[in-house]
Amino acid sequence: SSSSSSSSSSSSSNQNVRELLCCVYCGGEFPIHQLANLLVLSVRSEIEKHYLGWCRCVDPSCGLRTRQPLVKHNQIRCPVTDCKAKMEEEVSAAHLYTQLKYYKSLFDVDSAIEVMKEAKEDTAMNLAQLNACKMTFGKVESIIQSFLDKNEREYVNLQSLFSFLETK
């Protein structure tokens, strides 16, 4: 009887995950591997845009878009003669990092459980659903984490930050 209860709990947890991964309009199932692939493609697209290095003038009347901005007085200036505005990266390293953190937060089941506990919404059914999703969503979260691990903004190099304190 214990094996039947474990198989029924396994099938109910699979059912919970399926309910969360279905279209709200047609009810069609959305496979988790397809979702993971879409996320990877989206992240790679953002990384590619970042490394292309496009800059855009912040002045809406100018709107120049270039990969060769004019650097003057440690600021990126618009190279258009009459324009005195600054240029901004279209996809900055900070934007890329924020996007990766957002994607990770979408699949962070542990944080969702903590939020539910703090909000006193930790009903057995809700926690059971989240725990059922933990393994499935954890795989997607680990994919995003692998991109974050490669991102230079994830960690601060304290040794280089405080290198001026070293005595010789």
C-alpha atoms as a PDB file:
ATOM      1  CA  SER A   1       0.000   0.000   0.000  1.00  0.00           C
ATOM      2  CA  SER A   2       2.957   2.344   0.583  1.00  0.00           C
ATOM      3  CA  SER A   3       4.076   1.900  -3.032  1.00  0.00           C
ATOM      4  CA  SER A   4       0.608   2.792  -4.264  1.00  0.00           C
ATOM      5  CA  SER A   5       0.572   5.928  -2.136  1.00  0.00           C
ATOM      6  CA  SER A   6       4.008   6.992  -3.400  1.00  0.00           C
ATOM      7  CA  SER A   7       2.997   6.402  -7.009  1.00  0.00           C
ATOM      8  CA  SER A   8      -0.224   8.331  -6.495  1.00  0.00           C
ATOM      9  CA  SER A   9       1.674  11.231  -4.913  1.00  0.00           C
ATOM     10  CA  SER A  10       4.142  11.152  -7.808  1.00  0.00           C
ATOM     11  CA  SER A  11       1.337  11.218 -10.356  1.00  0.00           C
ATOM     12  CA  SER A  12      -0.420  14.030  -8.489  1.00  0.00           C
ATOM     13  CA  SER A  13       2.802  16.069  -8.398  1.00  0.00           C
ATOM     14  CA  ASN A  14       3.246  15.519 -12.140  1.00  0.00           C
ATOM     15  CA  GLN A  15      -0.357  16.663 -12.574  1.00  0.00           C
ATOM     16  CA  ASN A  16       0.382  19.847 -10.580  1.00  0.00           C
ATOM     17  CA  VAL A  17       3.359  20.667 -12.801  1.00  0.00           C
ATOM     18  CA  ARG A  18       1.276  19.995 -15.930  1.00  0.00           C
ATOM     19  CA  GLU A  19      -1.423  22.369 -14.675  1.00  0.00           C
ATOM     20  CA  LEU A  20       1.147  25.134 -14.246  1.00  0.00           C
ATOM     21  CA  LEU A  21       2.657  24.534 -17.686  1.00  0.00           C
ATOM     22  CA  CYS A  22      -0.454  24.807 -19.792  1.00  0.00           C
ATOM     23  CA  CYS A  23      -1.956  27.512 -21.947  1.00  0.00           C
ATOM     24  CA  VAL A  24      -4.579  29.540 -20.083  1.00  0.00           C
ATOM     25  CA  TYR A  25      -6.584  29.962 -23.292  1.00  0.00           C
ATOM     26  CA  CYS A  26      -6.669  26.514 -24.910  1.00  0.00           C
ATOM     27  CA  GLY A  27      -5.443  24.304 -22.044  1.00  0.00           C
ATOM     28  CA  GLY A  28      -2.693  22.837 -24.224  1.00  0.00           C
ATOM     29  CA  GLU A  29       0.347  21.492 -22.435  1.00  0.00           C
ATOM     30  CA  PHE A  30       3.659  23.351 -22.717  1.00  0.00           C
ATOM     31  CA  PRO A  31       6.672  21.017 -22.334  1.00  0.00           C
ATOM     32  CA  ILE A  32       9.323  22.210 -19.865  1.00  0.00           C
ATOM     33  CA  HIS A  33      12.180  21.380 -22.261  1.00  0.00           C
ATOM     34  CA  GLN A  34      10.609  23.684 -24.841  1.00  0.00           C
ATOM     35  CA  LEU A  35      10.378  26.454 -22.240  1.00  0.00           C
ATOM     36  CA  ALA A  36      14.029  25.910 -21.289  1.00  0.00           C
ATOM     37  CA  ASN A  37      15.083  26.104 -24.943  1.00  0.00           C
ATOM     38  CA  LEU A  38      13.124  29.335 -25.446  1.00  0.00           C
ATOM     39  CA  LEU A  39      14.811  30.870 -22.407  1.00  0.00           C
ATOM     40  CA  VAL A  40      18.274  29.845 -23.618  1.00  0.00           C
ATOM     41  CA  LEU A  41      17.559  31.347 -27.046  1.00  0.00           C
ATOM     42  CA  SER A  42      16.308  34.557 -25.431  1.00  0.00           C
ATOM     43  CA  VAL A  43      19.374  34.838 -23.184  1.00  0.00           C
ATOM     44  CA  ARG A  44      21.752  34.155 -26.071  1.00  0.00           C
ATOM     45  CA  SER A  45      19.973  36.800 -28.140  1.00  0.00           C
ATOM     46  CA  GLU A  46      20.401  39.389 -25.351  1.00  0.00           C
ATOM     47  CA  ILE A  47      24.078  38.451 -24.938  1.00  0.00           C
ATOM     48  CA  GLU A  48      24.623  38.808 -28.680  1.00  0.00           C
ATOM     49  CA  LYS A  49      22.955  42.248 -28.666  1.00  0.00           C
ATOM     50  CA  HIS A  50      25.195  43.298 -25.765  1.00  0.00           C
ATOM     51  CA  TYR A  51      28.388  42.227 -27.525  1.00  0.00           C
ATOM     52  CA  LEU A  52      27.383  43.937 -30.767  1.00  0.00           C
ATOM     53  CA  GLY A  53      27.904  47.186 -28.842  1.00  0.00           C
ATOM     54  CA  TRP A  54      25.193  49.365 -30.356  1.00  0.00           C
ATOM     55  CA  CYS A  55      24.755  52.788 -28.767  1.00  0.00           C
ATOM     56  CA  ARG A  56      21.821  55.151 -29.180  1.00  0.00           C
ATOM     57  CA  CYS A  57      21.655  58.905 -28.665  1.00  0.00           C
ATOM     58  CA  VAL A  58      19.438  59.781 -25.696  1.00  0.00           C
ATOM     59  CA  ASP A  59      18.098  62.867 -27.491  1.00  0.00           C
ATOM     60  CA  PRO A  60      14.850  61.734 -29.179  1.00  0.00           C
ATOM     61  CA  SER A  61      15.178  64.419 -31.856  1.00  0.00           C
ATOM     62  CA  CYS A  62      18.545  62.970 -32.900  1.00  0.00           C
ATOM     63  CA  GLY A  63      18.055  59.230 -32.406  1.00  0.00           C
ATOM     64  CA  LEU A  64      21.438  58.300 -33.902  1.00  0.00           C
ATOM     65  CA  ARG A  65      22.295  54.629 -33.564  1.00  0.00           C
ATOM     66  CA  THR A  66      25.942  53.640 -33.993  1.00  0.00           C
ATOM     67  CA  ARG A  67      28.639  51.226 -32.930  1.00  0.00           C
ATOM     68  CA  GLN A  68      31.289  53.966 -33.053  1.00  0.00           C
ATOM     69  CA  PRO A  69      30.423  56.599 -30.443  1.00  0.00           C
ATOM     70  CA  LEU A  70      32.636  59.594 -29.736  1.00  0.00           C
ATOM     71  CA  VAL A  71      34.345  59.352 -26.339  1.00  0.00           C
ATOM     72  CA  LYS A  72      35.067  62.809 -24.980  1.00  0.00           C
ATOM     73  CA  HIS A  73      35.955  63.716 -21.378  1.00  0.00           C
ATOM     74  CA  ASN A  74      35.242  60.143 -20.220  1.00  0.00           C
ATOM     75  CA  GLN A  75      31.681  60.365 -21.507  1.00  0.00           C
ATOM     76  CA  ILE A  76      30.210  58.835 -24.594  1.00  0.00           C
ATOM     77  CA  ARG A  77      28.937  61.742 -26.690  1.00  0.00           C
ATOM     78  CA  CYS A  78      26.817  61.742 -29.798  1.00  0.00           C
ATOM     79  CA  PRO A  79      29.065  62.203 -32.865  1.00  0.00           C
ATOM     80  CA  VAL A  80      26.447  64.338 -34.657  1.00  0.00           C
ATOM     81  CA  THR A  81      27.873  67.867 -34.937  1.00  0.00           C
ATOM     82  CA  ASP A  82      24.890  69.831 -33.570  1.00  0.00           C
ATOM     83  CA  CYS A  83      23.917  67.238 -30.946  1.00  0.00           C
ATOM     84  CA  LYS A  84      25.398  67.541 -27.462  1.00  0.00           C
ATOM     85  CA  ALA A  85      23.548  64.585 -25.936  1.00  0.00           C
ATOM     86  CA  LYS A  86      25.069  61.439 -24.464  1.00  0.00           C
ATOM     87  CA  MET A  87      25.007  58.003 -26.030  1.00  0.00           C
ATOM     88  CA  GLU A  88      23.792  54.955 -24.114  1.00  0.00           C
ATOM     89  CA  GLU A  89      24.383  51.290 -24.760  1.00  0.00           C
ATOM     90  CA  GLU A  90      21.253  49.638 -26.127  1.00  0.00           C
ATOM     91  CA  VAL A  91      21.929  46.505 -24.087  1.00  0.00           C
ATOM     92  CA  SER A  92      24.277  47.356 -21.232  1.00  0.00           C
ATOM     93  CA  ALA A  93      25.979  44.828 -18.968  1.00  0.00           C
ATOM     94  CA  ALA A  94      23.693  46.010 -16.156  1.00  0.00           C
ATOM     95  CA  HIS A  95      20.598  45.438 -18.311  1.00  0.00           C
ATOM     96  CA  LEU A  96      21.811  41.958 -19.253  1.00  0.00           C
ATOM     97  CA  TYR A  97      22.466  41.086 -15.608  1.00  0.00           C
ATOM     98  CA  THR A  98      19.036  42.380 -14.561  1.00  0.00           C
ATOM     99  CA  GLN A  99      17.381  40.329 -17.301  1.00  0.00           C
ATOM    100  CA  LEU A 100      19.182  37.174 -16.165  1.00  0.00           C
ATOM    101  CA  LYS A 101      18.204  37.784 -12.529  1.00  0.00           C
ATOM    102  CA  TYR A 102      14.586  38.295 -13.614  1.00  0.00           C
ATOM    103  CA  TYR A 103      14.552  35.025 -15.551  1.00  0.00           C
ATOM    104  CA  LYS A 104      16.056  33.245 -12.554  1.00  0.00           C
ATOM    105  CA  SER A 105      13.419  34.708 -10.236  1.00  0.00           C
ATOM    106  CA  LEU A 106      10.645  33.284 -12.419  1.00  0.00           C
ATOM    107  CA  PHE A 107      11.766  29.747 -11.580  1.00  0.00           C
ATOM    108  CA  ASP A 108      13.006  30.238  -8.009  1.00  0.00           C
ATOM    109  CA  VAL A 109      10.637  27.942  -6.137  1.00  0.00           C
ATOM    110  CA  ASP A 110      12.461  28.375  -2.798  1.00  0.00           C
ATOM    111  CA  SER A 111      11.800  32.126  -2.864  1.00  0.00           C
ATOM    112  CA  ALA A 112       8.159  31.513  -3.761  1.00  0.00           C
ATOM    113  CA  ILE A 113       7.810  29.195  -0.763  1.00  0.00           C
ATOM    114  CA  GLU A 114       9.377  31.840   1.523  1.00  0.00           C
ATOM    115  CA  VAL A 115       7.037  34.532   0.183  1.00  0.00           C
ATOM    116  CA  MET A 116       4.042  32.274   0.786  1.00  0.00           C
ATOM    117  CA  LYS A 117       5.175  31.540   4.340  1.00  0.00           C
ATOM    118  CA  GLU A 118       5.672  35.244   5.076  1.00  0.00           C
ATOM    119  CA  ALA A 119       2.257  36.040   3.610  1.00  0.00           C
ATOM    120  CA  LYS A 120       0.706  33.231   5.671  1.00  0.00           C
ATOM    121  CA  GLU A 121      -0.514  31.565   2.479  1.00  0.00           C
ATOM    122  CA  ASP A 122       1.294  28.303   3.129  1.00  0.00           C
ATOM    123  CA  THR A 123      -1.697  26.036   2.729  1.00  0.00           C
ATOM    124  CA  ALA A 124      -0.816  22.391   2.286  1.00  0.00           C
ATOM    125  CA  MET A 125      -2.099  22.415  -1.286  1.00  0.00           C
ATOM    126  CA  ASN A 126      -0.029  25.449  -2.310  1.00  0.00           C
ATOM    127  CA  LEU A 127       3.143  24.080  -0.716  1.00  0.00           C
ATOM    128  CA  ALA A 128       2.540  20.676  -2.287  1.00  0.00           C
ATOM    129  CA  GLN A 129       2.176  22.291  -5.710  1.00  0.00           C
ATOM    130  CA  LEU A 130       5.371  24.299  -5.264  1.00  0.00           C
ATOM    131  CA  ASN A 131       7.325  21.302  -4.019  1.00  0.00           C
ATOM    132  CA  ALA A 132       6.097  19.324  -7.031  1.00  0.00           C
ATOM    133  CA  CYS A 133       7.425  22.062  -9.289  1.00  0.00           C
ATOM    134  CA  LYS A 134      10.725  22.367  -7.452  1.00  0.00           C
ATOM    135  CA  MET A 135      12.579  19.684  -9.405  1.00  0.00           C
ATOM    136  CA  THR A 136      11.134  20.672 -12.773  1.00  0.00           C
ATOM    137  CA  PHE A 137      11.631  24.409 -12.363  1.00  0.00           C
ATOM    138  CA  GLY A 138      14.965  23.837 -10.625  1.00  0.00           C
ATOM    139  CA  LYS A 139      16.362  22.484 -13.885  1.00  0.00           C
ATOM    140  CA  VAL A 140      15.372  25.669 -15.713  1.00  0.00           C
ATOM    141  CA  GLU A 141      16.692  27.810 -12.856  1.00  0.00           C
ATOM    142  CA  SER A 142      20.051  26.009 -13.038  1.00  0.00           C
ATOM    143  CA  ILE A 143      20.290  26.790 -16.765  1.00  0.00           C
ATOM    144  CA  ILE A 144      19.825  30.500 -16.038  1.00  0.00           C
ATOM    145  CA  GLN A 145      22.254  30.251 -13.103  1.00  0.00           C
ATOM    146  CA  SER A 146      24.906  28.886 -15.474  1.00  0.00           C
ATOM    147  CA  PHE A 147      24.630  32.112 -17.494  1.00  0.00           C
ATOM    148  CA  LEU A 148      24.801  34.185 -14.290  1.00  0.00           C
ATOM    149  CA  ASP A 149      27.929  32.303 -13.200  1.00  0.00           C
ATOM    150  CA  LYS A 150      29.635  33.504 -16.377  1.00  0.00           C
ATOM    151  CA  ASN A 151      28.452  37.104 -15.892  1.00  0.00           C
ATOM    152  CA  GLU A 152      31.039  39.517 -14.491  1.00  0.00           C
ATOM    153  CA  ARG A 153      28.437  41.354 -12.398  1.00  0.00           C
ATOM    154  CA  GLU A 154      27.577  38.297 -10.292  1.00  0.00           C
ATOM    155  CA  TYR A 155      30.636  38.545  -8.046  1.00  0.00           C
ATOM    156  CA  VAL A 156      32.734  41.365  -6.629  1.00  0.00           C
ATOM    157  CA  ASN A 157      36.495  40.813  -6.568  1.00  0.00           C
ATOM    158  CA  LEU A 158      37.223  42.135  -3.080  1.00  0.00           C
ATOM    159  CA  GLN A 159      40.957  41.571  -3.443  1.00  0.00           C
ATOM    160  CA  SER A 160      41.187  43.959  -6.362  1.00  0.00           C
ATOM    161  CA  LEU A 161      38.693  46.350  -4.782  1.00  0.00           C
ATOM    162  CA  PHE A 162      40.792  46.755  -1.632  1.00  0.00           C
ATOM    163  CA  SER A 163      44.201  46.301  -3.270  1.00  0.00           C
ATOM    164  CA  PHE A 164      45.208  49.825  -2.206  1.00  0.00           C
ATOM    165  CA  LEU A 165      45.248  48.601   1.420  1.00  0.00           C
ATOM    166  CA  GLU A 166      48.004  46.062   0.800  1.00  0.00           C
ATOM    167  CA  THR A 167      51.266  46.805   2.543  1.00  0.00           C
ATOM    168  CA  LYS A 168      54.567  46.053   0.903  1.00  0.00           C
END
